[in-house]
Amino acid sequence: MGRFGRPWIEVSIMKRLISWIRGPLAAAAAATLFVAPGVLAGAGTRNVTGPSGAQYSFTITCATKSATARVDLSHAVNWDAMWIEGTGFFRYGVGVMIGSTPANWVMTKHSDDGSSSYSLTEQSTSHVETTLIGPTPTTDCPSYPAIGAAFVPLTPERLLDTRSATSVNYAGPKPGPMVPVELQITGRAGIPLNAVAVALNVTLTESAGAGYVQVYPTGLGAPGASSNLNAESAGQTIPNAVIVPIGLGGRVTLFSSVGTHLIADVSGYFVDVAGPVAAGRYTAITPRRVLDTRAASAVDYVGSKPSAGAVVRVRPVAAAGLPPGQVAAVVLNITATESSGAGYVQAAPAGALVPGATSNLNVVRAGQTIPNLVTVPVSAAGEIDLFTQSGTHLIVDVFGWFSNGITVASTSGLFIPIIPERVLDTRPESAVNYNSERLNGIDRRKPEAGDEVSVDFDGLPQSGVGAVVLNITATESSAAGFVQGGAYGSLVPGASSNLNLERAGQTIPNAAILPGAQIVIYTQTGTNLIADISGFFRS
């Protein structure tokens, strides 16, 4: 067991899972944008085939300690699938014939009762049952460290650029599909050898086509177990924030399913501490809007839309009511909207911004709306500067802050890194922790407009979780709208946002640090949702 709270996955299990991905998911990937399915995550996963030729998949993941069973009854006629829970069972769905064509029925049943083994019973119309054994008992889920790691903010600095004209720490051709790029983290930009996790802004650019980019600790993660960035078409540029454990040799791996150039900027790192500390602890707050440059909804701004080359001063400490003099860095969601043209947006401590040295947001066309999570140090006055290369309206929501050395020493707010793992997927073919069903090509349980979808973290400590670090992806959206994450019972739709969808069918990710261990994701418009966890902060 490594320090990141993730068991090793046996080679035999990996081979079975990879074989399954190349089967039913391959056809779907050819027709639609491929978002990393994440079924490689977790222990105790088995695939078995029933007498009808239907394939079943059972999963227990350590971040959730819950089980998801999936069955494809496209070969079956009038079969029931029953989920056995203890001594009882209930029918979840029925596959039926339509004309002479078998029903194309994919269903997933999720159970989060904390058990470690399950069975799925297939029952024909003649009531001949065949019981299929679920996951083997999982006993190697993590015991988390008692203390954690403190955050050390850095003035943003570029660590990687694979483009030949502006290359940084890279020599060679444009990274090809399925070719991992290992990035040395420790020993650069002031990051010490004992750092355990890093905060990056990662950008894919000049993508060769649709695909995803995944960041994981070198030697410890698995390709396909999570994703951080998604390209929808050739030539696309899109960034995302990433907090990821540092792997073997002080490196992280950037794995892309499609050929693309990669850029990575660092904004801080985490280092283990031996006891209570004052600096580097995270405090989550109810998201608070601190800047909006649009006249109809202006917040702490007077004037016209920021023009090309403009610098906008933001006061996150004062505007969000954070304790003055105690904040080292803030966690923001920055949204560019109604952009004037292609360009980038850059954040830095007030007075320290060097245009073009790094970037946080990339706008690729006029009128675009795009968000990104940003961790940025603040000036002594608690302020930051935002630079817009092309001109755009800017919206800033504060989600939390990191302490400096002036606060009282504590272990609250220290970070526990986890090797990235999928904790939610609402798509039937790859569902995780969600009841889903697709019958004859119709997604019958896709989250609808106004829905709140819960995210299960049963495998995390029963108490003491102050906030979780997620990557949230919306895909197969039904229309334009926004996606918002928050604590269960306290989310106010529209008070802030994490993702912005501009059109039907879009796929877009964004990182989020959300308070508490009971999280819900609200979607203004119908969309499938995916969430990957990479760590949590203690409360």
Protein backbone atom coordinates (compact mmCIF):
# COMPACT_ATOMS: atom_id res chain seq x y z
CA MET A 1 0.00 0.00 0.00
CA GLY A 2 1.43 3.39 -0.98
CA ARG A 3 0.92 6.60 0.88
CA PHE A 4 -1.76 7.66 -1.59
CA GLY A 5 -4.56 5.43 -0.31
CA ARG A 6 -4.89 3.11 -3.33
CA PRO A 7 -4.34 -0.65 -3.64
CA TRP A 8 -2.33 -2.26 -6.39
CA ILE A 9 -4.39 -3.84 -9.17
CA GLU A 10 -3.40 -7.38 -10.16
CA VAL A 11 -2.27 -7.89 -13.75
CA SER A 12 -4.91 -10.56 -14.37
CA ILE A 13 -7.67 -8.16 -13.36
CA MET A 14 -6.21 -5.45 -15.56
CA LYS A 15 -6.18 -7.78 -18.58
CA ARG A 16 -9.82 -8.71 -18.10
CA LEU A 17 -10.83 -5.07 -17.80
CA ILE A 18 -8.84 -3.97 -20.84
CA SER A 19 -10.45 -6.77 -22.83
CA TRP A 20 -13.88 -5.57 -21.73
CA ILE A 21 -13.12 -1.96 -22.71
CA ARG A 22 -12.10 -3.05 -26.20
CA GLY A 23 -15.41 -4.88 -26.56
CA PRO A 24 -18.67 -3.00 -25.95
CA LEU A 25 -17.06 0.40 -25.38
CA ALA A 26 -15.05 0.34 -28.59
CA ALA A 27 -18.09 0.72 -30.81
CA ALA A 28 -19.43 3.58 -28.72
CA ALA A 29 -16.05 5.32 -28.81
CA ALA A 30 -16.03 5.22 -32.60
CA ALA A 31 -19.33 7.05 -32.81
CA THR A 32 -19.00 9.52 -29.96
CA LEU A 33 -16.31 11.38 -28.08
CA PHE A 34 -14.45 8.95 -25.86
CA VAL A 35 -14.30 9.91 -22.21
CA ALA A 36 -12.02 7.67 -20.15
CA PRO A 37 -14.35 5.01 -18.70
CA GLY A 38 -12.59 4.60 -15.38
CA VAL A 39 -13.39 0.90 -14.94
CA LEU A 40 -9.70 0.26 -14.37
CA ALA A 41 -10.05 1.84 -10.94
CA GLY A 42 -10.67 -0.26 -7.86
CA ALA A 43 -10.06 -3.74 -6.58
CA GLY A 44 -12.15 -6.90 -6.63
CA THR A 45 -13.49 -6.26 -10.15
CA ARG A 46 -14.64 -9.25 -12.21
CA ASN A 47 -16.29 -9.81 -15.58
CA VAL A 48 -18.37 -12.94 -16.22
CA THR A 49 -20.51 -14.09 -19.11
CA GLY A 50 -23.94 -15.65 -18.64
CA PRO A 51 -25.45 -18.48 -20.66
CA SER A 52 -27.28 -16.04 -22.94
CA GLY A 53 -24.00 -14.44 -23.98
CA ALA A 54 -24.75 -11.32 -21.97
CA GLN A 55 -21.74 -9.75 -20.25
CA TYR A 56 -21.75 -8.63 -16.63
CA SER A 57 -19.38 -6.27 -14.84
CA PHE A 58 -19.07 -5.82 -11.07
CA THR A 59 -16.97 -3.16 -9.40
CA ILE A 60 -15.83 -2.23 -5.94
CA THR A 61 -13.74 0.94 -5.77
CA CYS A 62 -11.74 1.96 -2.75
CA ALA A 63 -12.77 5.60 -2.85
CA THR A 64 -16.41 4.56 -2.66
CA LYS A 65 -16.36 1.04 -1.22
CA SER A 66 -19.54 0.48 -3.19
CA ALA A 67 -20.55 -1.82 -6.01
CA THR A 68 -21.83 -1.28 -9.51
CA ALA A 69 -23.11 -4.18 -11.62
CA ARG A 70 -23.57 -3.75 -15.34
CA VAL A 71 -25.37 -6.06 -17.74
CA ASP A 72 -25.78 -5.89 -21.51
CA LEU A 73 -28.83 -7.91 -22.53
CA SER A 74 -28.66 -7.09 -26.23
CA HIS A 75 -28.68 -10.84 -26.94
CA ALA A 76 -31.50 -11.68 -24.57
CA VAL A 77 -35.24 -12.01 -25.07
CA ASN A 78 -37.61 -11.25 -22.19
CA TRP A 79 -34.98 -11.64 -19.50
CA ASP A 80 -35.16 -10.07 -16.08
CA ALA A 81 -32.09 -8.85 -14.21
CA MET A 82 -32.36 -9.04 -10.45
CA TRP A 83 -30.00 -7.49 -7.95
CA ILE A 84 -29.52 -9.61 -4.84
CA GLU A 85 -28.98 -7.66 -1.62
CA GLY A 86 -28.64 -9.92 1.40
CA THR A 87 -31.65 -12.24 1.54
CA GLY A 88 -33.93 -10.07 -0.60
CA PHE A 89 -34.01 -8.99 -4.19
CA PHE A 90 -35.94 -6.72 -6.50
CA ARG A 91 -36.38 -6.51 -10.25
CA TYR A 92 -34.54 -3.63 -11.86
CA GLY A 93 -35.48 -3.95 -15.50
CA VAL A 94 -36.70 -6.18 -18.30
CA GLY A 95 -35.35 -6.68 -21.82
CA VAL A 96 -38.01 -7.17 -24.47
CA MET A 97 -38.28 -8.09 -28.14
CA ILE A 98 -39.36 -5.40 -30.60
CA GLY A 99 -40.36 -7.06 -33.85
CA SER A 100 -37.65 -9.49 -34.89
CA THR A 101 -34.78 -7.49 -33.37
CA PRO A 102 -33.53 -8.18 -29.83
CA ALA A 103 -33.82 -5.24 -27.49
CA ASN A 104 -30.55 -3.37 -27.05
CA TRP A 105 -30.67 -3.05 -23.29
CA VAL A 106 -27.80 -1.94 -21.09
CA MET A 107 -28.52 -1.41 -17.42
CA THR A 108 -26.47 -0.68 -14.33
CA LYS A 109 -27.47 -1.11 -10.71
CA HIS A 110 -25.53 0.66 -8.00
CA SER A 111 -25.47 -0.37 -4.35
CA ASP A 112 -23.73 1.61 -1.62
CA ASP A 113 -24.62 -0.42 1.46
CA GLY A 114 -20.95 -1.00 2.26
CA SER A 115 -20.93 -4.73 1.48
CA SER A 116 -17.93 -6.22 -0.25
CA SER A 117 -19.50 -8.96 -2.39
CA TYR A 118 -22.65 -9.14 -4.47
CA SER A 119 -24.40 -11.46 -6.90
CA LEU A 120 -26.59 -10.72 -9.89
CA THR A 121 -29.31 -13.20 -10.83
CA GLU A 122 -30.46 -13.55 -14.42
CA GLN A 123 -33.99 -14.98 -14.72
CA SER A 124 -35.66 -16.13 -17.95
CA THR A 125 -39.39 -16.07 -18.64
CA SER A 126 -39.44 -19.73 -17.62
CA HIS A 127 -37.85 -18.73 -14.30
CA VAL A 128 -34.66 -20.69 -14.81
CA GLU A 129 -32.14 -18.81 -12.73
CA THR A 130 -28.38 -18.63 -13.03
CA THR A 131 -26.63 -16.77 -10.22
CA LEU A 132 -23.43 -14.95 -11.16
CA ILE A 133 -20.98 -14.20 -8.37
CA GLY A 134 -20.16 -10.55 -7.86
CA PRO A 135 -16.89 -9.01 -6.72
CA THR A 136 -14.63 -10.92 -4.40
CA PRO A 137 -14.37 -9.43 -0.89
CA THR A 138 -12.13 -6.38 -0.93
CA THR A 139 -9.92 -6.06 2.12
CA ASP A 140 -7.08 -3.91 0.79
CA CYS A 141 -8.84 -0.55 0.74
CA PRO A 142 -6.79 2.21 2.32
CA SER A 143 -6.20 3.31 5.84
CA TYR A 144 -5.56 7.03 5.47
CA PRO A 145 -2.67 8.81 7.18
CA ALA A 146 -3.47 10.53 10.45
CA ILE A 147 -2.05 13.93 9.54
CA GLY A 148 -1.65 14.96 5.89
CA ALA A 149 0.16 17.45 3.69
CA ALA A 150 0.35 21.24 3.73
CA PHE A 151 0.14 23.43 0.62
CA VAL A 152 2.97 25.71 -0.42
CA PRO A 153 1.85 28.26 -3.05
CA LEU A 154 4.16 29.31 -5.86
CA THR A 155 4.01 32.19 -8.27
CA PRO A 156 2.80 30.32 -11.39
CA GLU A 157 5.65 28.99 -13.54
CA ARG A 158 5.72 26.90 -16.71
CA LEU A 159 7.01 23.35 -16.21
CA LEU A 160 6.17 21.78 -19.57
CA ASP A 161 5.58 22.86 -23.15
CA THR A 162 5.90 20.26 -25.91
CA ARG A 163 5.65 22.79 -28.78
CA SER A 164 9.01 23.11 -30.48
CA ALA A 165 8.93 26.91 -30.79
CA THR A 166 8.29 27.41 -27.06
CA SER A 167 9.47 24.10 -25.60
CA VAL A 168 10.04 23.78 -21.86
CA ASN A 169 11.50 20.59 -20.34
CA TYR A 170 10.70 18.62 -23.49
CA ALA A 171 12.56 17.56 -26.62
CA GLY A 172 10.97 15.55 -29.37
CA PRO A 173 7.99 15.45 -31.71
CA LYS A 174 4.42 16.24 -30.80
CA PRO A 175 3.23 13.55 -28.33
CA GLY A 176 1.30 10.84 -30.17
CA PRO A 177 -1.78 8.91 -29.10
CA MET A 178 -1.30 6.56 -26.13
CA VAL A 179 2.27 7.84 -25.69
CA PRO A 180 2.77 8.93 -22.05
CA VAL A 181 4.81 12.03 -21.24
CA GLU A 182 6.58 11.84 -17.89
CA LEU A 183 7.11 15.23 -16.28
CA GLN A 184 9.72 15.74 -13.55
CA ILE A 185 8.10 17.72 -10.74
CA THR A 186 10.46 17.63 -7.76
CA GLY A 187 13.70 19.54 -8.02
CA ARG A 188 12.16 22.17 -10.31
CA ALA A 189 10.54 25.56 -9.67
CA GLY A 190 11.53 25.30 -6.01
CA ILE A 191 9.59 22.08 -5.42
CA PRO A 192 11.45 19.92 -2.87
CA LEU A 193 12.20 16.22 -3.22
CA ASN A 194 9.76 15.33 -0.42
CA ALA A 195 6.71 16.92 -2.09
CA VAL A 196 3.81 14.44 -2.28
CA ALA A 197 1.36 16.24 -4.63
CA VAL A 198 1.34 19.17 -7.02
CA ALA A 199 -1.17 21.76 -8.27
CA LEU A 200 -0.95 22.26 -12.03
CA ASN A 201 -2.80 23.98 -14.83
CA VAL A 202 -2.63 21.59 -17.79
CA THR A 203 -3.50 22.62 -21.34
CA LEU A 204 -3.93 20.47 -24.44
CA THR A 205 -3.51 22.30 -27.71
CA GLU A 206 -3.38 21.45 -31.43
CA SER A 207 -5.23 18.21 -30.71
CA ALA A 208 -5.23 15.71 -33.58
CA GLY A 209 -8.86 14.86 -32.88
CA ALA A 210 -11.33 13.93 -30.14
CA GLY A 211 -9.89 12.28 -27.05
CA TYR A 212 -8.84 12.81 -23.46
CA VAL A 213 -5.77 13.65 -21.38
CA GLN A 214 -5.19 12.03 -18.00
CA VAL A 215 -2.68 13.07 -15.32
CA TYR A 216 -1.59 10.52 -12.72
CA PRO A 217 1.41 9.74 -10.49
CA THR A 218 4.12 8.02 -12.52
CA GLY A 219 4.32 4.31 -11.81
CA LEU A 220 1.23 4.29 -9.59
CA GLY A 221 -1.73 5.20 -11.77
CA ALA A 222 -3.45 3.36 -14.61
CA PRO A 223 -4.30 4.75 -18.05
CA GLY A 224 -8.06 5.01 -18.41
CA ALA A 225 -8.85 5.11 -14.70
CA SER A 226 -9.74 8.82 -14.81
CA SER A 227 -9.51 11.85 -17.08
CA ASN A 228 -8.71 15.55 -16.71
CA LEU A 229 -9.11 17.10 -20.16
CA ASN A 230 -11.36 16.33 -23.11
CA ALA A 231 -10.89 17.45 -26.71
CA GLU A 232 -13.95 17.29 -28.96
CA SER A 233 -12.32 17.99 -32.31
CA ALA A 234 -9.03 18.43 -34.14
CA GLY A 235 -7.12 21.62 -33.40
CA GLN A 236 -8.82 22.24 -30.07
CA THR A 237 -7.18 24.04 -27.15
CA ILE A 238 -8.56 23.58 -23.64
CA PRO A 239 -7.07 23.85 -20.11
CA ASN A 240 -7.95 22.38 -16.73
CA ALA A 241 -6.63 22.54 -13.20
CA VAL A 242 -5.14 19.35 -11.79
CA ILE A 243 -4.17 18.41 -8.22
CA VAL A 244 -2.38 15.08 -8.45
CA PRO A 245 -0.09 12.93 -6.26
CA ILE A 246 3.55 12.86 -7.29
CA GLY A 247 4.71 9.40 -8.35
CA LEU A 248 7.93 7.45 -8.62
CA GLY A 249 11.06 9.49 -9.17
CA GLY A 250 9.20 12.71 -8.32
CA ARG A 251 7.27 12.60 -11.62
CA VAL A 252 3.72 12.73 -12.94
CA THR A 253 2.54 11.16 -16.18
CA LEU A 254 0.42 12.93 -18.80
CA PHE A 255 -1.34 10.30 -20.88
CA SER A 256 -3.34 11.25 -23.96
CA SER A 257 -5.67 9.06 -26.02
CA VAL A 258 -5.04 11.32 -29.00
CA GLY A 259 -1.97 13.12 -30.35
CA THR A 260 -1.74 16.59 -28.82
CA HIS A 261 0.69 19.18 -27.56
CA LEU A 262 0.74 19.59 -23.78
CA ILE A 263 1.45 22.58 -21.53
CA ALA A 264 1.69 22.48 -17.73
CA ASP A 265 2.07 25.41 -15.31
CA VAL A 266 2.65 24.87 -11.59
CA SER A 267 0.99 26.98 -8.88
CA GLY A 268 2.01 25.09 -5.75
CA TYR A 269 2.85 21.77 -4.10
CA PHE A 270 1.99 19.74 -1.01
CA VAL A 271 4.45 18.39 1.54
CA ASP A 272 3.77 16.00 4.44
CA VAL A 273 3.88 17.51 7.93
CA ALA A 274 4.53 15.81 11.26
CA GLY A 275 1.87 17.59 13.31
CA PRO A 276 -0.33 20.67 13.55
CA VAL A 277 0.80 23.58 11.36
CA ALA A 278 -0.37 27.13 10.72
CA ALA A 279 0.47 27.47 7.03
CA GLY A 280 -0.82 25.52 4.06
CA ARG A 281 -4.22 24.43 5.41
CA TYR A 282 -7.32 24.63 3.22
CA THR A 283 -10.67 26.05 4.33
CA ALA A 284 -13.69 25.51 2.09
CA ILE A 285 -16.40 28.15 2.03
CA THR A 286 -19.86 28.36 0.54
CA PRO A 287 -18.99 29.55 -2.99
CA ARG A 288 -19.05 33.34 -3.19
CA ARG A 289 -19.07 35.45 -6.36
CA VAL A 290 -16.45 38.19 -6.03
CA LEU A 291 -16.25 39.53 -9.59
CA ASP A 292 -18.63 39.87 -12.51
CA THR A 293 -17.81 42.41 -15.22
CA ARG A 294 -21.17 42.15 -17.00
CA ALA A 295 -23.24 45.29 -16.49
CA ALA A 296 -26.50 43.48 -15.81
CA SER A 297 -25.00 41.38 -13.01
CA ALA A 298 -21.90 43.35 -12.03
CA VAL A 299 -20.04 42.42 -8.84
CA ASP A 300 -17.18 44.62 -7.60
CA TYR A 301 -16.68 46.09 -11.07
CA VAL A 302 -17.62 49.30 -12.87
CA GLY A 303 -16.94 49.91 -16.54
CA SER A 304 -17.13 48.35 -19.94
CA LYS A 305 -16.14 44.82 -20.92
CA PRO A 306 -12.39 44.30 -20.32
CA SER A 307 -10.62 44.88 -23.63
CA ALA A 308 -7.62 43.16 -25.20
CA GLY A 309 -4.59 43.49 -22.92
CA ALA A 310 -6.64 44.66 -19.93
CA VAL A 311 -5.70 43.78 -16.35
CA VAL A 312 -8.57 43.50 -13.86
CA ARG A 313 -7.81 43.72 -10.15
CA VAL A 314 -9.84 41.25 -8.02
CA ARG A 315 -10.25 41.44 -4.22
CA PRO A 316 -11.10 37.84 -3.25
CA VAL A 317 -10.16 38.18 0.43
CA ALA A 318 -12.22 41.27 1.15
CA ALA A 319 -15.10 40.47 -1.21
CA ALA A 320 -15.55 36.90 0.09
CA GLY A 321 -15.13 37.88 3.73
CA LEU A 322 -11.96 35.84 4.24
CA PRO A 323 -9.80 36.62 7.29
CA PRO A 324 -7.50 39.53 6.36
CA GLY A 325 -3.79 38.86 6.74
CA GLN A 326 -4.23 35.08 7.03
CA VAL A 327 -4.68 34.05 3.38
CA ALA A 328 -1.75 32.73 1.33
CA ALA A 329 -3.71 31.62 -1.75
CA VAL A 330 -7.29 31.31 -2.94
CA VAL A 331 -9.13 28.67 -4.94
CA LEU A 332 -11.26 30.31 -7.62
CA ASN A 333 -13.48 29.31 -10.49
CA ILE A 334 -12.80 31.82 -13.25
CA THR A 335 -15.17 32.02 -16.22
CA ALA A 336 -14.55 33.91 -19.46
CA THR A 337 -17.74 34.75 -21.36
CA GLU A 338 -18.75 36.84 -24.36
CA SER A 339 -15.12 36.81 -25.45
CA SER A 340 -14.03 39.16 -28.24
CA GLY A 341 -11.81 36.56 -29.89
CA ALA A 342 -9.26 33.81 -29.39
CA GLY A 343 -6.77 34.33 -26.59
CA TYR A 344 -5.95 33.45 -23.00
CA VAL A 345 -6.72 34.63 -19.48
CA GLN A 346 -3.99 34.64 -16.86
CA ALA A 347 -4.16 34.96 -13.06
CA ALA A 348 -1.35 36.03 -10.73
CA PRO A 349 -0.84 37.79 -7.39
CA ALA A 350 -1.62 41.51 -7.72
CA GLY A 351 1.43 43.36 -8.98
CA ALA A 352 3.32 40.20 -9.99
CA LEU A 353 1.62 39.36 -13.29
CA VAL A 354 3.86 38.89 -16.33
CA PRO A 355 1.57 38.57 -19.37
CA GLY A 356 2.18 35.32 -21.24
CA ALA A 357 4.43 33.69 -18.65
CA THR A 358 1.64 31.23 -17.85
CA SER A 359 -2.07 30.84 -18.62
CA ASN A 360 -5.21 29.63 -16.87
CA LEU A 361 -7.97 29.88 -19.45
CA ASN A 362 -7.89 29.52 -23.22
CA VAL A 363 -10.57 31.07 -25.41
CA VAL A 364 -10.64 29.75 -28.97
CA ARG A 365 -13.36 31.86 -30.61
CA ALA A 366 -15.40 35.03 -30.22
CA GLY A 367 -18.43 34.68 -27.97
CA GLN A 368 -17.15 31.61 -26.15
CA THR A 369 -17.92 30.82 -22.49
CA ILE A 370 -15.41 28.64 -20.66
CA PRO A 371 -14.46 28.17 -16.97
CA ASN A 372 -11.42 26.84 -15.12
CA LEU A 373 -10.49 26.23 -11.51
CA VAL A 374 -7.49 28.29 -10.43
CA THR A 375 -5.33 28.19 -7.31
CA VAL A 376 -3.40 31.44 -7.09
CA PRO A 377 -1.40 33.20 -4.35
CA VAL A 378 -2.69 36.59 -3.22
CA SER A 379 -0.71 39.76 -2.64
CA ALA A 380 -0.10 41.16 0.83
CA ALA A 381 -3.33 43.14 0.36
CA GLY A 382 -5.26 39.95 -0.49
CA GLU A 383 -5.64 40.75 -4.19
CA ILE A 384 -4.97 39.13 -7.57
CA ASP A 385 -4.76 40.38 -11.16
CA LEU A 386 -6.49 38.88 -14.19
CA PHE A 387 -5.04 39.55 -17.64
CA THR A 388 -7.11 38.99 -20.79
CA GLN A 389 -5.24 38.75 -24.06
CA SER A 390 -8.21 39.23 -26.38
CA GLY A 391 -10.84 40.92 -24.25
CA THR A 392 -13.67 39.11 -22.44
CA HIS A 393 -16.14 39.42 -19.59
CA LEU A 394 -14.85 37.75 -16.43
CA ILE A 395 -16.69 36.00 -13.59
CA VAL A 396 -14.90 34.85 -10.43
CA ASP A 397 -16.28 32.61 -7.67
CA VAL A 398 -14.26 31.86 -4.52
CA PHE A 399 -14.46 28.26 -3.24
CA GLY A 400 -11.86 28.36 -0.47
CA TRP A 401 -8.46 29.53 0.74
CA PHE A 402 -5.09 28.33 2.00
CA SER A 403 -3.67 29.73 5.21
CA ASN A 404 -0.36 31.47 5.73
CA GLY A 405 1.71 31.17 8.89
CA ILE A 406 -0.30 33.68 10.92
CA THR A 407 -3.24 31.40 11.74
CA VAL A 408 -3.48 29.00 14.67
CA ALA A 409 -1.71 25.66 14.16
CA SER A 410 -3.99 22.70 13.41
CA THR A 411 -4.31 19.57 11.28
CA SER A 412 -7.61 20.75 9.83
CA GLY A 413 -7.34 21.49 6.12
CA LEU A 414 -4.35 19.24 5.44
CA PHE A 415 -4.42 17.31 2.17
CA ILE A 416 -4.66 13.54 1.68
CA PRO A 417 -3.76 12.64 -1.93
CA ILE A 418 -5.46 9.69 -3.66
CA ILE A 419 -4.40 8.11 -6.93
CA PRO A 420 -7.13 9.44 -9.26
CA GLU A 421 -10.17 7.17 -9.32
CA ARG A 422 -13.63 7.36 -10.87
CA VAL A 423 -16.43 7.86 -8.35
CA LEU A 424 -19.33 8.75 -10.67
CA ASP A 425 -20.32 7.96 -14.25
CA THR A 426 -23.97 8.17 -15.30
CA ARG A 427 -23.51 6.61 -18.77
CA PRO A 428 -24.96 3.07 -18.97
CA GLU A 429 -22.00 1.47 -20.78
CA SER A 430 -19.51 2.65 -18.18
CA ALA A 431 -21.67 3.61 -15.18
CA VAL A 432 -20.09 3.94 -11.75
CA ASN A 433 -22.16 4.53 -8.60
CA TYR A 434 -25.30 5.33 -10.56
CA ASN A 435 -28.47 3.49 -11.60
CA SER A 436 -28.63 3.80 -15.38
CA GLU A 437 -30.42 2.19 -18.29
CA ARG A 438 -30.32 2.48 -22.07
CA LEU A 439 -33.06 0.67 -24.01
CA ASN A 440 -33.11 0.66 -27.81
CA GLY A 441 -30.69 3.57 -27.97
CA ILE A 442 -32.61 5.75 -25.52
CA ASP A 443 -30.80 6.78 -22.32
CA ARG A 444 -33.71 6.41 -19.92
CA ARG A 445 -31.98 7.54 -16.72
CA LYS A 446 -29.67 10.30 -17.93
CA PRO A 447 -29.74 13.22 -15.45
CA GLU A 448 -32.41 15.67 -16.54
CA ALA A 449 -32.65 19.44 -16.28
CA GLY A 450 -32.84 20.44 -12.62
CA ASP A 451 -31.57 17.11 -11.26
CA GLU A 452 -29.12 16.81 -8.35
CA VAL A 453 -26.92 13.71 -8.59
CA SER A 454 -25.23 12.49 -5.42
CA VAL A 455 -21.59 11.39 -5.39
CA ASP A 456 -20.74 8.53 -3.02
CA PHE A 457 -17.55 8.51 -0.95
CA ASP A 458 -18.28 5.63 1.41
CA GLY A 459 -14.65 4.52 1.40
CA LEU A 460 -13.38 7.84 2.74
CA PRO A 461 -13.04 8.32 6.52
CA GLN A 462 -16.42 8.34 8.22
CA SER A 463 -15.64 11.73 9.71
CA GLY A 464 -13.14 14.49 9.24
CA VAL A 465 -13.51 15.20 5.51
CA GLY A 466 -13.64 18.94 4.96
CA ALA A 467 -13.56 19.03 1.15
CA VAL A 468 -12.96 16.70 -1.79
CA VAL A 469 -10.90 17.34 -4.93
CA LEU A 470 -12.79 16.27 -8.04
CA ASN A 471 -12.60 16.50 -11.79
CA ILE A 472 -16.15 16.88 -13.10
CA THR A 473 -17.02 16.21 -16.73
CA ALA A 474 -20.33 16.89 -18.46
CA THR A 475 -20.90 14.92 -21.65
CA GLU A 476 -23.72 14.23 -24.11
CA SER A 477 -25.44 17.41 -22.91
CA SER A 478 -29.03 18.02 -24.02
CA ALA A 479 -28.73 21.81 -24.31
CA ALA A 480 -26.78 24.85 -23.14
CA GLY A 481 -26.64 25.41 -19.37
CA PHE A 482 -24.41 25.10 -16.34
CA VAL A 483 -23.31 22.40 -13.90
CA GLN A 484 -22.76 23.19 -10.23
CA GLY A 485 -21.36 21.11 -7.38
CA GLY A 486 -21.87 21.63 -3.68
CA ALA A 487 -22.47 20.11 -0.29
CA TYR A 488 -25.60 18.03 0.11
CA GLY A 489 -28.46 20.10 1.50
CA SER A 490 -26.85 23.49 0.96
CA LEU A 491 -26.44 23.84 -2.81
CA VAL A 492 -28.28 26.89 -4.17
CA PRO A 493 -28.70 26.48 -7.96
CA GLY A 494 -27.19 29.42 -9.80
CA ALA A 495 -25.32 30.94 -6.85
CA SER A 496 -22.08 29.81 -8.50
CA SER A 497 -21.05 27.45 -11.29
CA ASN A 498 -18.36 24.89 -12.06
CA LEU A 499 -19.06 24.03 -15.69
CA ASN A 500 -20.67 25.88 -18.57
CA LEU A 501 -22.24 24.06 -21.51
CA GLU A 502 -22.71 26.08 -24.67
CA ARG A 503 -24.62 23.59 -26.83
CA ALA A 504 -26.25 20.19 -27.05
CA GLY A 505 -23.87 17.26 -27.30
CA GLN A 506 -20.94 19.05 -25.72
CA THR A 507 -18.28 17.42 -23.55
CA ILE A 508 -16.36 19.65 -21.16
CA PRO A 509 -14.45 19.08 -17.88
CA ASN A 510 -13.46 21.27 -14.97
CA ALA A 511 -11.77 20.67 -11.65
CA ALA A 512 -13.62 21.42 -8.42
CA ILE A 513 -12.87 21.50 -4.71
CA LEU A 514 -16.19 21.00 -2.97
CA PRO A 515 -16.96 21.17 0.76
CA GLY A 516 -17.83 18.10 2.84
CA ALA A 517 -18.00 14.37 2.14
CA GLN A 518 -21.61 14.40 0.90
CA ILE A 519 -21.58 16.05 -2.51
CA VAL A 520 -24.31 16.67 -5.07
CA ILE A 521 -23.92 17.86 -8.65
CA TYR A 522 -26.72 19.99 -10.07
CA THR A 523 -27.30 20.24 -13.82
CA GLN A 524 -29.34 23.09 -15.24
CA THR A 525 -29.79 21.13 -18.45
CA GLY A 526 -29.83 17.38 -19.00
CA THR A 527 -26.36 15.87 -19.29
CA ASN A 528 -24.38 12.79 -18.35
CA LEU A 529 -21.94 13.42 -15.53
CA ILE A 530 -18.54 11.97 -14.65
CA ALA A 531 -16.49 12.64 -11.50
CA ASP A 532 -12.97 11.53 -10.57
CA ILE A 533 -11.44 12.02 -7.11
CA SER A 534 -7.76 12.80 -6.51
CA GLY A 535 -7.76 13.59 -2.79
CA PHE A 536 -9.49 15.28 0.12
CA PHE A 537 -8.82 17.88 2.79
CA ARG A 538 -9.35 17.10 6.45
CA SER A 539 -11.96 19.03 8.39
